[in-house]
Amino acid sequence: QVQLVESGGGLVQSGGSLRLSCAANGFIFSIHDMRWFRQAPGKERELVAGIISNTGGSTNYADSVKGRFTISRDNAKNTVYLQMNTLKPEDTAVYYCNAWRRTYGGTQYDYWGQGTQVTVSS
């Protein structure tokens, strides 16, 4: 059974930091790209950060979080992290972990966690 379990969310003051974790099981973690999305009330879900599947995987970030957030993965622990620094009230959202893979044959695998709430007070 595929599971992605996020943790580390909570309430923090503006300028503070949080570290989100996403523990994966039920699939081969190391061959999936891992991503963090977020969804604020009344807004569409947006991609925050991604890291590709290989050990030295390149990363990408939304412009709004560049220089403040860092995504990383530990394939030995089947876990992906999102270090969030200098948090702003506009970072308030439910954060979701996502695992994604497309095979050479075109089959797509797309798994989601249940989300963790991050609230940044001003």
N, C-alpha and C. Protein backbone atom coordinates (compact mmCIF):
# COMPACT_ATOMS: atom_id res chain seq x y z
N GLN A 1 0.84 -1.19 0.00
CA GLN A 1 0.00 0.00 0.00
C GLN A 1 0.88 1.24 0.00
N VAL A 2 0.64 2.13 -0.94
CA VAL A 2 1.43 3.36 -1.04
C VAL A 2 1.02 4.33 0.05
N GLN A 3 2.01 4.86 0.73
CA GLN A 3 1.75 5.87 1.75
C GLN A 3 2.78 6.97 1.67
N LEU A 4 2.30 8.22 1.77
CA LEU A 4 3.16 9.38 1.96
C LEU A 4 2.63 10.09 3.19
N VAL A 5 3.47 10.21 4.20
CA VAL A 5 3.02 10.77 5.47
C VAL A 5 3.86 12.00 5.79
N GLU A 6 3.19 13.16 5.74
CA GLU A 6 3.88 14.42 6.03
C GLU A 6 3.86 14.69 7.53
N SER A 7 4.86 15.41 7.98
CA SER A 7 4.92 15.86 9.37
C SER A 7 5.75 17.13 9.43
N GLY A 8 5.67 17.82 10.57
CA GLY A 8 6.50 18.99 10.77
C GLY A 8 5.78 20.32 10.62
N GLY A 9 4.53 20.28 10.21
CA GLY A 9 3.79 21.53 10.08
C GLY A 9 3.44 22.10 11.45
N GLY A 10 2.92 23.31 11.43
CA GLY A 10 2.53 23.94 12.69
C GLY A 10 2.37 25.43 12.54
N LEU A 11 2.34 26.09 13.68
CA LEU A 11 2.19 27.54 13.75
C LEU A 11 3.55 28.16 14.07
N VAL A 12 3.93 29.16 13.28
CA VAL A 12 5.22 29.82 13.50
C VAL A 12 5.06 31.30 13.21
N GLN A 13 5.86 32.10 13.85
CA GLN A 13 5.81 33.54 13.62
C GLN A 13 6.55 33.89 12.33
N SER A 14 6.16 35.00 11.75
CA SER A 14 6.83 35.50 10.55
C SER A 14 8.34 35.62 10.82
N GLY A 15 9.12 35.14 9.86
CA GLY A 15 10.57 35.13 10.01
C GLY A 15 11.12 33.85 10.58
N GLY A 16 10.24 32.99 11.05
CA GLY A 16 10.66 31.73 11.65
C GLY A 16 10.91 30.65 10.62
N SER A 17 11.19 29.46 11.14
CA SER A 17 11.53 28.32 10.28
C SER A 17 10.74 27.08 10.68
N LEU A 18 10.52 26.23 9.70
CA LEU A 18 9.95 24.91 9.92
C LEU A 18 10.62 23.94 8.96
N ARG A 19 10.64 22.68 9.37
CA ARG A 19 11.15 21.63 8.50
C ARG A 19 10.07 20.57 8.33
N LEU A 20 9.60 20.42 7.11
CA LEU A 20 8.62 19.39 6.81
C LEU A 20 9.33 18.11 6.39
N SER A 21 8.74 17.00 6.78
CA SER A 21 9.24 15.69 6.36
C SER A 21 8.11 14.93 5.71
N CYS A 22 8.47 14.06 4.80
CA CYS A 22 7.50 13.19 4.15
C CYS A 22 8.10 11.80 4.06
N ALA A 23 7.54 10.89 4.81
CA ALA A 23 8.02 9.50 4.83
C ALA A 23 7.20 8.68 3.86
N ALA A 24 7.90 7.95 3.00
CA ALA A 24 7.23 7.19 1.95
C ALA A 24 7.39 5.70 2.15
N ASN A 25 6.39 4.95 1.79
CA ASN A 25 6.52 3.50 1.73
C ASN A 25 5.51 2.93 0.76
N GLY A 26 5.77 1.70 0.34
CA GLY A 26 4.87 1.03 -0.59
C GLY A 26 5.24 1.18 -2.05
N PHE A 27 6.33 1.90 -2.32
CA PHE A 27 6.80 2.02 -3.70
C PHE A 27 8.32 2.28 -3.66
N ILE A 28 8.96 2.22 -4.82
CA ILE A 28 10.41 2.41 -4.87
C ILE A 28 10.71 3.91 -4.87
N PHE A 29 11.00 4.40 -3.69
CA PHE A 29 11.14 5.84 -3.48
C PHE A 29 12.21 6.45 -4.39
N SER A 30 13.36 5.76 -4.50
CA SER A 30 14.53 6.36 -5.14
C SER A 30 14.33 6.66 -6.62
N ILE A 31 13.37 6.01 -7.26
CA ILE A 31 13.20 6.22 -8.70
C ILE A 31 12.06 7.21 -9.01
N HIS A 32 11.51 7.80 -7.98
CA HIS A 32 10.44 8.79 -8.17
C HIS A 32 10.95 10.20 -7.91
N ASP A 33 10.52 11.12 -8.76
CA ASP A 33 10.71 12.53 -8.46
C ASP A 33 9.83 12.87 -7.26
N MET A 34 10.34 13.73 -6.39
CA MET A 34 9.57 14.11 -5.21
C MET A 34 9.32 15.62 -5.24
N ARG A 35 8.10 15.98 -4.86
CA ARG A 35 7.73 17.39 -4.94
C ARG A 35 6.91 17.79 -3.72
N TRP A 36 6.98 19.05 -3.40
CA TRP A 36 6.12 19.65 -2.39
C TRP A 36 5.20 20.66 -3.10
N PHE A 37 3.92 20.53 -2.83
CA PHE A 37 2.92 21.48 -3.29
C PHE A 37 2.30 22.14 -2.07
N ARG A 38 1.60 23.22 -2.30
CA ARG A 38 0.84 23.84 -1.23
C ARG A 38 -0.45 24.41 -1.79
N GLN A 39 -1.44 24.51 -0.90
CA GLN A 39 -2.73 25.08 -1.27
C GLN A 39 -3.23 25.95 -0.15
N ALA A 40 -3.36 27.22 -0.45
CA ALA A 40 -3.91 28.18 0.51
C ALA A 40 -5.42 28.26 0.30
N PRO A 41 -6.15 28.70 1.33
CA PRO A 41 -7.61 28.80 1.19
C PRO A 41 -8.01 29.67 0.01
N GLY A 42 -8.89 29.14 -0.82
CA GLY A 42 -9.39 29.89 -1.95
C GLY A 42 -8.46 29.97 -3.13
N LYS A 43 -7.34 29.27 -3.05
CA LYS A 43 -6.36 29.31 -4.14
C LYS A 43 -6.12 27.90 -4.69
N GLU A 44 -5.55 27.86 -5.89
CA GLU A 44 -5.22 26.57 -6.50
C GLU A 44 -3.95 26.00 -5.86
N ARG A 45 -3.85 24.69 -5.95
CA ARG A 45 -2.63 24.04 -5.48
C ARG A 45 -1.47 24.45 -6.38
N GLU A 46 -0.33 24.78 -5.77
CA GLU A 46 0.82 25.21 -6.55
C GLU A 46 2.06 24.41 -6.16
N LEU A 47 2.94 24.24 -7.14
CA LEU A 47 4.20 23.56 -6.90
C LEU A 47 5.15 24.49 -6.15
N VAL A 48 5.70 24.00 -5.06
CA VAL A 48 6.63 24.78 -4.25
C VAL A 48 8.08 24.41 -4.59
N ALA A 49 8.36 23.11 -4.61
CA ALA A 49 9.74 22.66 -4.84
C ALA A 49 9.71 21.22 -5.33
N GLY A 50 10.74 20.86 -6.11
CA GLY A 50 10.85 19.50 -6.60
C GLY A 50 12.30 19.06 -6.62
N ILE A 51 12.49 17.74 -6.54
CA ILE A 51 13.83 17.16 -6.61
C ILE A 51 13.72 15.88 -7.41
N ILE A 52 14.58 15.73 -8.40
CA ILE A 52 14.46 14.57 -9.28
C ILE A 52 15.02 13.33 -8.60
N SER A 53 14.85 12.20 -9.29
CA SER A 53 14.98 10.92 -8.63
C SER A 53 16.39 10.46 -8.32
N ASN A 54 17.40 10.89 -9.07
CA ASN A 54 18.70 10.29 -8.81
C ASN A 54 19.37 10.92 -7.59
N THR A 55 20.43 10.28 -7.14
CA THR A 55 21.06 10.67 -5.88
C THR A 55 21.51 12.13 -5.89
N GLY A 56 22.03 12.57 -7.01
CA GLY A 56 22.47 13.96 -7.08
C GLY A 56 21.42 14.83 -7.72
N GLY A 57 20.16 14.53 -7.41
CA GLY A 57 19.03 15.11 -8.11
C GLY A 57 19.00 16.62 -8.12
N SER A 58 18.73 17.17 -9.26
CA SER A 58 18.60 18.62 -9.34
C SER A 58 17.27 19.04 -8.73
N THR A 59 17.21 20.28 -8.36
CA THR A 59 16.04 20.82 -7.69
C THR A 59 15.47 22.01 -8.45
N ASN A 60 14.22 22.28 -8.18
CA ASN A 60 13.60 23.48 -8.74
C ASN A 60 12.64 24.05 -7.70
N TYR A 61 12.43 25.37 -7.78
CA TYR A 61 11.63 26.06 -6.77
C TYR A 61 10.71 27.08 -7.44
N ALA A 62 9.60 27.31 -6.79
CA ALA A 62 8.75 28.43 -7.18
C ALA A 62 9.50 29.72 -6.89
N ASP A 63 9.29 30.72 -7.72
CA ASP A 63 9.98 32.00 -7.52
C ASP A 63 9.73 32.57 -6.13
N SER A 64 8.54 32.33 -5.61
CA SER A 64 8.15 32.92 -4.33
C SER A 64 8.92 32.35 -3.14
N VAL A 65 9.58 31.20 -3.33
CA VAL A 65 10.28 30.58 -2.20
C VAL A 65 11.78 30.45 -2.44
N LYS A 66 12.25 30.83 -3.62
CA LYS A 66 13.68 30.72 -3.92
C LYS A 66 14.51 31.49 -2.90
N GLY A 67 15.57 30.83 -2.42
CA GLY A 67 16.43 31.46 -1.43
C GLY A 67 15.95 31.30 -0.01
N ARG A 68 14.73 30.82 0.18
CA ARG A 68 14.19 30.64 1.53
C ARG A 68 13.91 29.17 1.85
N PHE A 69 13.50 28.41 0.85
CA PHE A 69 13.15 27.00 1.04
C PHE A 69 14.21 26.13 0.39
N THR A 70 14.43 24.96 1.00
CA THR A 70 15.36 23.98 0.43
C THR A 70 14.74 22.59 0.49
N ILE A 71 14.68 21.93 -0.65
CA ILE A 71 14.18 20.56 -0.70
C ILE A 71 15.37 19.61 -0.74
N SER A 72 15.23 18.50 -0.04
CA SER A 72 16.28 17.48 -0.06
C SER A 72 15.63 16.11 0.12
N ARG A 73 16.40 15.07 -0.18
CA ARG A 73 15.86 13.72 -0.02
C ARG A 73 16.93 12.80 0.54
N ASP A 74 16.47 11.80 1.27
CA ASP A 74 17.34 10.76 1.79
C ASP A 74 16.77 9.43 1.30
N ASN A 75 17.37 8.90 0.26
CA ASN A 75 16.83 7.68 -0.33
C ASN A 75 16.97 6.48 0.60
N ALA A 76 17.96 6.51 1.50
CA ALA A 76 18.11 5.42 2.46
C ALA A 76 16.97 5.40 3.47
N LYS A 77 16.39 6.56 3.73
CA LYS A 77 15.29 6.66 4.69
C LYS A 77 13.94 6.81 4.03
N ASN A 78 13.92 6.81 2.69
CA ASN A 78 12.65 6.99 1.95
C ASN A 78 11.92 8.25 2.42
N THR A 79 12.68 9.32 2.55
CA THR A 79 12.11 10.54 3.10
C THR A 79 12.56 11.75 2.28
N VAL A 80 11.63 12.67 2.10
CA VAL A 80 11.94 13.95 1.48
C VAL A 80 11.63 15.05 2.49
N TYR A 81 12.43 16.11 2.43
CA TYR A 81 12.32 17.19 3.39
C TYR A 81 12.09 18.52 2.68
N LEU A 82 11.50 19.44 3.41
CA LEU A 82 11.40 20.81 2.94
C LEU A 82 11.78 21.71 4.10
N GLN A 83 12.96 22.29 4.02
CA GLN A 83 13.40 23.25 5.03
C GLN A 83 12.89 24.63 4.62
N MET A 84 12.11 25.23 5.49
CA MET A 84 11.49 26.51 5.18
C MET A 84 12.02 27.56 6.16
N ASN A 85 12.72 28.55 5.63
CA ASN A 85 13.28 29.62 6.45
C ASN A 85 12.63 30.95 6.08
N THR A 86 12.79 31.91 6.94
CA THR A 86 12.27 33.27 6.72
C THR A 86 10.82 33.19 6.25
N LEU A 87 10.02 32.47 7.00
CA LEU A 87 8.63 32.26 6.61
C LEU A 87 7.85 33.56 6.66
N LYS A 88 6.89 33.66 5.74
CA LYS A 88 6.04 34.84 5.62
C LYS A 88 4.59 34.42 5.78
N PRO A 89 3.73 35.33 6.16
CA PRO A 89 2.30 34.99 6.28
C PRO A 89 1.73 34.39 4.99
N GLU A 90 2.23 34.83 3.85
CA GLU A 90 1.72 34.30 2.57
C GLU A 90 2.17 32.86 2.31
N ASP A 91 3.03 32.32 3.15
CA ASP A 91 3.39 30.90 3.05
C ASP A 91 2.36 30.00 3.73
N THR A 92 1.40 30.60 4.41
CA THR A 92 0.36 29.83 5.09
C THR A 92 -0.44 29.01 4.08
N ALA A 93 -0.48 27.70 4.31
CA ALA A 93 -1.16 26.80 3.38
C ALA A 93 -1.09 25.38 3.94
N VAL A 94 -1.83 24.49 3.31
CA VAL A 94 -1.63 23.07 3.53
C VAL A 94 -0.55 22.61 2.55
N TYR A 95 0.46 21.96 3.07
CA TYR A 95 1.57 21.50 2.24
C TYR A 95 1.43 19.99 1.99
N TYR A 96 1.56 19.63 0.73
CA TYR A 96 1.38 18.24 0.31
C TYR A 96 2.66 17.69 -0.30
N CYS A 97 2.95 16.46 0.05
CA CYS A 97 4.06 15.74 -0.53
C CYS A 97 3.54 14.95 -1.74
N ASN A 98 4.34 14.90 -2.79
CA ASN A 98 3.95 14.20 -4.02
C ASN A 98 5.12 13.40 -4.56
N ALA A 99 4.83 12.18 -4.97
CA ALA A 99 5.81 11.34 -5.65
C ALA A 99 5.33 11.11 -7.07
N TRP A 100 6.22 11.26 -8.03
CA TRP A 100 5.82 11.20 -9.44
C TRP A 100 6.88 10.50 -10.25
N ARG A 101 6.36 9.71 -11.20
CA ARG A 101 7.28 9.02 -12.10
C ARG A 101 6.56 8.71 -13.38
N ARG A 102 7.24 8.85 -14.50
CA ARG A 102 6.70 8.42 -15.78
C ARG A 102 7.69 7.45 -16.40
N THR A 103 7.22 6.27 -16.76
CA THR A 103 8.09 5.26 -17.35
C THR A 103 8.35 5.59 -18.82
N TYR A 104 9.32 4.91 -19.40
CA TYR A 104 9.60 5.10 -20.82
C TYR A 104 8.41 4.72 -21.68
N GLY A 105 7.58 3.83 -21.17
CA GLY A 105 6.39 3.44 -21.90
C GLY A 105 5.23 4.39 -21.75
N GLY A 106 5.41 5.42 -20.91
CA GLY A 106 4.38 6.43 -20.77
C GLY A 106 3.45 6.25 -19.58
N THR A 107 3.64 5.18 -18.82
CA THR A 107 2.81 5.00 -17.63
C THR A 107 3.22 6.00 -16.56
N GLN A 108 2.23 6.65 -15.99
CA GLN A 108 2.52 7.68 -14.99
C GLN A 108 2.07 7.20 -13.62
N TYR A 109 2.92 7.44 -12.64
CA TYR A 109 2.62 7.15 -11.24
C TYR A 109 2.61 8.47 -10.47
N ASP A 110 1.59 8.68 -9.70
CA ASP A 110 1.39 9.98 -9.05
C ASP A 110 0.75 9.75 -7.70
N TYR A 111 1.53 9.90 -6.64
CA TYR A 111 1.05 9.62 -5.29
C TYR A 111 1.07 10.90 -4.45
N TRP A 112 0.08 11.00 -3.53
CA TRP A 112 -0.06 12.20 -2.71
C TRP A 112 -0.18 11.84 -1.23
N GLY A 113 0.37 12.71 -0.39
CA GLY A 113 0.15 12.62 1.02
C GLY A 113 -1.15 13.32 1.41
N GLN A 114 -1.44 13.30 2.70
CA GLN A 114 -2.70 13.87 3.19
C GLN A 114 -2.58 15.35 3.50
N GLY A 115 -1.35 15.84 3.55
CA GLY A 115 -1.13 17.26 3.77
C GLY A 115 -0.84 17.60 5.23
N THR A 116 -0.10 18.67 5.42
CA THR A 116 0.19 19.18 6.76
C THR A 116 0.03 20.69 6.74
N GLN A 117 -0.62 21.21 7.75
CA GLN A 117 -0.93 22.65 7.80
C GLN A 117 0.29 23.44 8.28
N VAL A 118 0.59 24.49 7.55
CA VAL A 118 1.61 25.46 7.97
C VAL A 118 0.92 26.81 8.10
N THR A 119 1.02 27.40 9.27
CA THR A 119 0.42 28.71 9.51
C THR A 119 1.49 29.67 10.01
N VAL A 120 1.63 30.78 9.30
CA VAL A 120 2.63 31.79 9.65
C VAL A 120 1.90 33.03 10.12
N SER A 121 2.12 33.41 11.36
CA SER A 121 1.46 34.59 11.91
C SER A 121 2.34 35.83 11.71
N SER A 122 1.67 36.95 11.52
CA SER A 122 2.40 38.20 11.28
C SER A 122 2.75 38.90 12.57
